[in-house]
Amino acid sequence: MHRLVLSHNNFSGEIQMNKLIQLPHLLTLRLEANSFTGTLMSNSSSSSSIFDFNVSSNIFAGEIPFWLSRCPPSSFAGNAMLCGKPLGYSCSNGPTKMSERKNRLSDALVPVIIIIDAAAGVGIILTVGWCCYIRRKSRTGACTETSGSDNQKTREREEEMVMFEGCKGFSKVDDLLKASAELLGKGSVGSTYKVVVDGDGGGAVAVKRVREWLRRKDIDGLMKEIGGLRNVNIVSLRAYYFSRDELLLVYDFLPNGSLHSLARNRGPGRTPLEWTTRLKLAAGAA
């Protein structure tokens, strides 16, 4: 099983996370918008191959395990009893029981209501006075509202997928996350997956999830330089996606394996790569 999606079903009950992470090929686990209970702790980190994880809007409790701390905070939103990274508060005092937390909230509810009412009254008085002042000063003036639309547009522009020549079968990162994926291997840079896209002209592509990356302006310049390279001996970069949480690189998928595996093709029944061919490949790539 590669994908387990139970989102928006109003399911309830305790989830045995220890059982789920024993699935060796699980890449996607989405349980958001239900009423599941339990903890996310486990005794294994084998589930680090999961790269699409979301348990928001449930009733999970306890500390978030280390192997899930790389996920964005939105993956855990709506679980009041969760703590630890990437959320903004630690678990130094240990998990709090639901009954104790409800009692503390009840005790603090009365002064909070009083403060909110007082602040609302002051806000109404200031708003009316300000509008009267503006009308008297300009006569034709009108109250205007400002929003964070510019910041939102900038963020959306920064998180768009950048595509290069020859990119087919997908146009946004969701097309890759929802497609069938297979883990090919892990290295010092990150994990590599074979992703089969269903769009027009689609097929198999290789997606590398980079573990560490540079600043935004450095990434853009480097990716544009690499994306413009076209050589028969160099695999082509077709697209990349950069956000606050991850960096994804999309390459052509090589069904016969990489040059590294071909050059080290040793063992009984295997034909080693001739040195004339090695020199030809090295000269072509240079």
Protein backbone atom coordinates (compact mmCIF):
# COMPACT_ATOMS: atom_id res chain seq x y z
CA MET A 1 0.00 0.00 0.00
CA HIS A 2 1.37 3.41 -1.03
CA ARG A 3 -1.51 5.75 -0.07
CA LEU A 4 -3.99 5.75 2.84
CA VAL A 5 -6.51 8.60 2.65
CA LEU A 6 -9.44 8.73 5.15
CA SER A 7 -9.96 12.51 5.09
CA HIS A 8 -13.34 14.22 5.78
CA ASN A 9 -15.27 11.08 6.78
CA ASN A 10 -16.24 11.93 10.38
CA PHE A 11 -14.59 8.68 11.54
CA SER A 12 -13.87 8.19 15.25
CA GLY A 13 -11.92 5.84 17.46
CA GLU A 14 -8.30 5.25 18.42
CA ILE A 15 -5.64 5.02 15.69
CA GLN A 16 -2.79 2.54 16.28
CA MET A 17 0.11 4.51 14.78
CA ASN A 18 2.52 1.66 15.57
CA LYS A 19 0.53 -0.58 13.22
CA LEU A 20 0.31 1.97 10.39
CA ILE A 21 4.02 2.78 10.23
CA GLN A 22 4.85 -0.91 9.81
CA LEU A 23 3.57 -0.64 6.23
CA PRO A 24 6.92 -0.61 4.39
CA HIS A 25 5.83 1.23 1.22
CA LEU A 26 3.47 3.82 2.71
CA LEU A 27 4.12 7.27 1.16
CA THR A 28 0.88 9.14 1.92
CA LEU A 29 -1.12 9.16 5.19
CA ARG A 30 -4.00 11.66 5.36
CA LEU A 31 -6.46 11.44 8.28
CA GLU A 32 -7.57 15.08 8.56
CA ALA A 33 -11.12 16.26 9.42
CA ASN A 34 -12.19 13.23 11.52
CA SER A 35 -12.48 12.49 15.25
CA PHE A 36 -9.61 10.02 15.66
CA THR A 37 -7.95 9.71 19.08
CA GLY A 38 -4.67 8.30 20.36
CA THR A 39 -1.03 9.36 20.16
CA LEU A 40 1.43 9.72 17.29
CA MET A 41 4.37 8.22 19.19
CA SER A 42 5.97 5.04 17.87
CA ASN A 43 9.01 2.88 18.54
CA SER A 44 10.14 2.92 14.94
CA SER A 45 11.36 5.54 12.50
CA SER A 46 10.90 3.34 9.43
CA SER A 47 8.00 5.55 8.36
CA SER A 48 10.42 8.29 7.31
CA SER A 49 9.52 7.40 3.70
CA ILE A 50 6.15 9.16 4.22
CA PHE A 51 6.29 12.55 2.49
CA ASP A 52 2.56 13.47 2.49
CA PHE A 53 1.22 13.44 6.10
CA ASN A 54 -1.80 15.24 7.61
CA VAL A 55 -3.76 14.53 10.83
CA SER A 56 -5.26 18.01 11.33
CA SER A 57 -8.72 18.51 12.91
CA ASN A 58 -8.74 15.37 15.07
CA ILE A 59 -8.38 14.63 18.81
CA PHE A 60 -4.81 13.29 18.92
CA ALA A 61 -2.79 13.94 22.10
CA GLY A 62 0.79 13.80 23.33
CA GLU A 63 4.17 14.63 21.84
CA ILE A 64 4.83 14.70 18.09
CA PRO A 65 7.64 12.19 17.32
CA PHE A 66 10.91 13.36 15.82
CA TRP A 67 10.35 11.72 12.42
CA LEU A 68 7.20 13.84 11.96
CA SER A 69 8.78 17.15 13.04
CA ARG A 70 9.76 17.88 9.42
CA CYS A 71 6.07 18.24 8.47
CA PRO A 72 4.52 21.75 8.41
CA PRO A 73 2.46 22.91 11.44
CA SER A 74 -0.70 22.79 9.30
CA SER A 75 -0.43 18.98 9.30
CA PHE A 76 -1.25 18.97 13.06
CA ALA A 77 -3.62 21.98 13.33
CA GLY A 78 -6.86 21.47 15.26
CA ASN A 79 -5.41 18.94 17.75
CA ALA A 80 -5.41 20.91 21.01
CA MET A 81 -3.62 18.17 22.96
CA LEU A 82 -0.60 17.78 20.64
CA CYS A 83 2.74 19.41 21.50
CA GLY A 84 6.35 19.56 20.31
CA LYS A 85 7.96 20.49 17.00
CA PRO A 86 6.90 21.84 14.56
CA LEU A 87 4.21 23.39 16.80
CA GLY A 88 5.09 26.52 18.73
CA TYR A 89 5.05 24.97 22.20
CA SER A 90 7.01 22.17 23.87
CA CYS A 91 5.96 19.21 25.99
CA SER A 92 8.16 20.10 29.00
CA ASN A 93 5.27 19.56 31.41
CA GLY A 94 4.19 16.29 29.82
CA PRO A 95 0.80 15.55 28.19
CA THR A 96 -2.17 17.19 29.93
CA LYS A 97 -5.30 15.22 30.65
CA MET A 98 -8.43 16.44 28.92
CA SER A 99 -10.38 16.86 32.18
CA GLU A 100 -7.64 18.96 33.79
CA ARG A 101 -7.41 21.17 30.73
CA LYS A 102 -11.18 21.70 30.66
CA ASN A 103 -11.12 22.73 34.33
CA ARG A 104 -8.40 25.30 33.71
CA LEU A 105 -10.29 26.67 30.73
CA SER A 106 -13.48 26.96 32.80
CA ASP A 107 -11.67 28.84 35.59
CA ALA A 108 -10.15 31.30 33.14
CA LEU A 109 -13.31 31.77 31.08
CA VAL A 110 -14.99 34.49 33.20
CA PRO A 111 -12.11 37.02 33.26
CA VAL A 112 -11.46 36.40 29.58
CA ILE A 113 -15.08 37.24 28.72
CA ILE A 114 -14.89 40.43 30.81
CA ILE A 115 -11.67 41.52 29.09
CA ILE A 116 -13.08 40.78 25.62
CA ASP A 117 -16.28 42.76 26.35
CA ALA A 118 -14.28 45.72 27.65
CA ALA A 119 -11.96 45.67 24.65
CA ALA A 120 -14.93 45.45 22.26
CA GLY A 121 -16.57 48.49 23.90
CA VAL A 122 -13.40 50.55 23.65
CA GLY A 123 -12.93 49.45 20.06
CA ILE A 124 -16.45 50.54 19.09
CA ILE A 125 -15.95 53.98 20.69
CA LEU A 126 -12.61 54.50 18.94
CA THR A 127 -14.00 53.35 15.60
CA VAL A 128 -16.97 55.73 15.72
CA GLY A 129 -14.77 58.64 16.78
CA TRP A 130 -12.25 57.94 14.01
CA CYS A 131 -14.92 57.72 11.29
CA CYS A 132 -16.46 61.02 12.47
CA TYR A 133 -13.03 62.68 12.35
CA ILE A 134 -12.32 61.43 8.84
CA ARG A 135 -15.76 62.51 7.56
CA ARG A 136 -15.40 65.96 9.07
CA LYS A 137 -11.92 66.44 7.63
CA SER A 138 -12.42 65.26 4.07
CA ARG A 139 -16.25 65.27 3.68
CA THR A 140 -15.91 62.88 0.78
CA GLY A 141 -13.59 60.50 2.57
CA ALA A 142 -14.50 56.90 3.11
CA CYS A 143 -13.22 54.25 5.45
CA THR A 144 -10.90 51.91 3.55
CA GLU A 145 -9.67 48.47 4.42
CA THR A 146 -6.28 47.03 3.80
CA SER A 147 -5.57 43.36 3.50
CA GLY A 148 -2.67 41.00 3.09
CA SER A 149 -3.55 40.27 -0.54
CA ASP A 150 -0.17 41.50 -1.78
CA ASN A 151 1.67 39.25 0.66
CA GLN A 152 -0.58 36.33 -0.30
CA LYS A 153 0.11 36.88 -4.00
CA THR A 154 3.85 37.06 -3.31
CA ARG A 155 3.77 33.81 -1.34
CA GLU A 156 1.72 32.04 -4.03
CA ARG A 157 4.17 33.25 -6.67
CA GLU A 158 7.13 32.00 -4.61
CA GLU A 159 5.54 28.55 -4.14
CA GLU A 160 4.63 28.02 -7.79
CA MET A 161 6.27 25.11 -9.58
CA VAL A 162 8.89 26.31 -12.07
CA MET A 163 8.94 24.19 -15.24
CA PHE A 164 11.54 23.96 -17.98
CA GLU A 165 11.54 22.78 -21.59
CA GLY A 166 10.16 19.26 -22.06
CA CYS A 167 8.02 19.21 -18.90
CA LYS A 168 4.86 17.13 -19.58
CA GLY A 169 2.05 15.47 -17.65
CA PHE A 170 1.80 17.88 -14.69
CA SER A 171 1.53 21.61 -14.02
CA LYS A 172 1.48 21.90 -10.21
CA VAL A 173 2.89 20.13 -7.20
CA ASP A 174 -0.48 18.55 -6.30
CA ASP A 175 -0.32 16.53 -9.54
CA LEU A 176 2.86 14.88 -8.22
CA LEU A 177 1.66 14.39 -4.63
CA LYS A 178 -1.55 12.70 -5.78
CA ALA A 179 0.16 10.43 -8.33
CA SER A 180 1.38 6.87 -7.76
CA ALA A 181 4.87 6.91 -6.23
CA GLU A 182 7.60 4.36 -5.51
CA LEU A 183 10.65 4.93 -3.30
CA LEU A 184 13.83 4.36 -5.36
CA GLY A 185 16.43 5.10 -2.71
CA LYS A 186 17.86 7.47 -0.12
CA GLY A 187 21.14 9.36 -0.14
CA SER A 188 22.98 12.14 1.66
CA VAL A 189 20.99 14.77 -0.24
CA GLY A 190 17.54 13.28 0.22
CA SER A 191 15.09 10.63 -1.01
CA THR A 192 14.25 9.84 -4.65
CA TYR A 193 10.87 8.56 -5.87
CA LYS A 194 9.51 7.23 -9.14
CA VAL A 195 6.24 9.10 -9.77
CA VAL A 196 3.78 8.12 -12.53
CA VAL A 197 1.69 11.12 -13.65
CA ASP A 198 -1.58 10.77 -15.57
CA GLY A 199 -1.72 14.11 -17.41
CA ASP A 200 -1.41 14.72 -21.15
CA GLY A 201 1.91 13.37 -22.40
CA GLY A 202 2.64 12.11 -18.90
CA GLY A 203 4.58 9.09 -17.80
CA ALA A 204 7.20 8.30 -15.19
CA VAL A 205 9.43 11.01 -13.70
CA ALA A 206 12.00 10.96 -10.91
CA VAL A 207 11.27 13.28 -7.97
CA LYS A 208 14.04 14.03 -5.48
CA ARG A 209 13.02 15.51 -2.12
CA VAL A 210 16.01 17.53 -0.95
CA ARG A 211 16.66 17.45 2.79
CA GLU A 212 18.59 20.75 3.07
CA TRP A 213 18.59 23.72 0.74
CA LEU A 214 19.95 27.26 0.27
CA ARG A 215 18.17 30.60 0.35
CA ARG A 216 15.40 31.37 -2.14
CA LYS A 217 17.43 33.65 -4.39
CA ASP A 218 20.34 31.17 -4.48
CA ILE A 219 17.99 28.27 -5.32
CA ASP A 220 16.30 30.14 -8.19
CA GLY A 221 19.59 31.06 -9.84
CA LEU A 222 21.09 27.59 -9.48
CA MET A 223 17.94 25.77 -10.69
CA LYS A 224 17.59 28.00 -13.78
CA GLU A 225 21.21 27.30 -14.68
CA ILE A 226 20.82 23.54 -14.27
CA GLY A 227 17.40 23.50 -15.96
CA GLY A 228 18.89 25.07 -19.10
CA LEU A 229 21.50 22.31 -19.54
CA ARG A 230 20.76 19.89 -22.37
CA ASN A 231 23.30 17.10 -22.97
CA VAL A 232 22.79 13.48 -24.00
CA ASN A 233 25.00 12.38 -21.08
CA ILE A 234 23.30 14.52 -18.40
CA VAL A 235 19.79 13.80 -17.09
CA SER A 236 17.54 16.83 -17.70
CA LEU A 237 15.93 18.82 -14.89
CA ARG A 238 12.29 19.35 -15.97
CA ALA A 239 10.87 21.32 -13.00
CA TYR A 240 11.38 22.29 -9.38
CA TYR A 241 9.15 23.35 -6.49
CA PHE A 242 10.39 25.44 -3.57
CA SER A 243 8.46 26.41 -0.43
CA ARG A 244 9.17 27.05 3.21
CA ASP A 245 8.80 23.35 3.94
CA GLU A 246 10.46 21.47 1.09
CA LEU A 247 12.42 21.51 -2.16
CA LEU A 248 11.39 19.06 -4.90
CA LEU A 249 13.45 18.42 -8.05
CA VAL A 250 11.78 16.70 -11.03
CA TYR A 251 14.05 14.83 -13.49
CA ASP A 252 13.55 12.49 -16.42
CA PHE A 253 13.12 8.92 -15.19
CA LEU A 254 15.85 6.55 -16.43
CA PRO A 255 14.39 3.01 -16.57
CA ASN A 256 17.85 1.45 -17.04
CA GLY A 257 19.27 3.02 -13.90
CA SER A 258 21.94 5.65 -13.34
CA LEU A 259 25.49 5.89 -14.67
CA HIS A 260 26.74 5.12 -11.15
CA SER A 261 24.93 1.78 -11.09
CA LEU A 262 26.05 0.97 -14.64
CA ALA A 263 29.72 1.76 -13.93
CA ARG A 264 29.64 -0.43 -10.80
CA ASN A 265 27.80 -3.31 -12.48
CA ARG A 266 29.81 -6.08 -10.88
CA GLY A 267 29.08 -9.65 -9.87
CA PRO A 268 28.36 -13.06 -11.41
CA GLY A 269 26.51 -12.88 -14.70
CA ARG A 270 26.96 -9.11 -15.08
CA THR A 271 28.85 -7.45 -17.91
CA PRO A 272 31.16 -4.64 -16.75
CA LEU A 273 31.15 -1.35 -18.64
CA GLU A 274 34.08 -1.14 -21.09
CA TRP A 275 36.70 1.54 -20.51
CA THR A 276 36.27 2.97 -24.00
CA THR A 277 32.60 3.56 -23.22
CA ARG A 278 33.49 5.08 -19.83
CA LEU A 279 35.92 7.53 -21.46
CA LYS A 280 33.37 8.44 -24.12
CA LEU A 281 30.71 9.19 -21.51
CA ALA A 282 33.14 11.24 -19.41
CA ALA A 283 34.27 13.29 -22.43
CA GLY A 284 30.67 13.86 -23.52
CA ALA A 285 29.56 15.04 -20.09
CA ALA A 286 32.55 17.39 -19.79
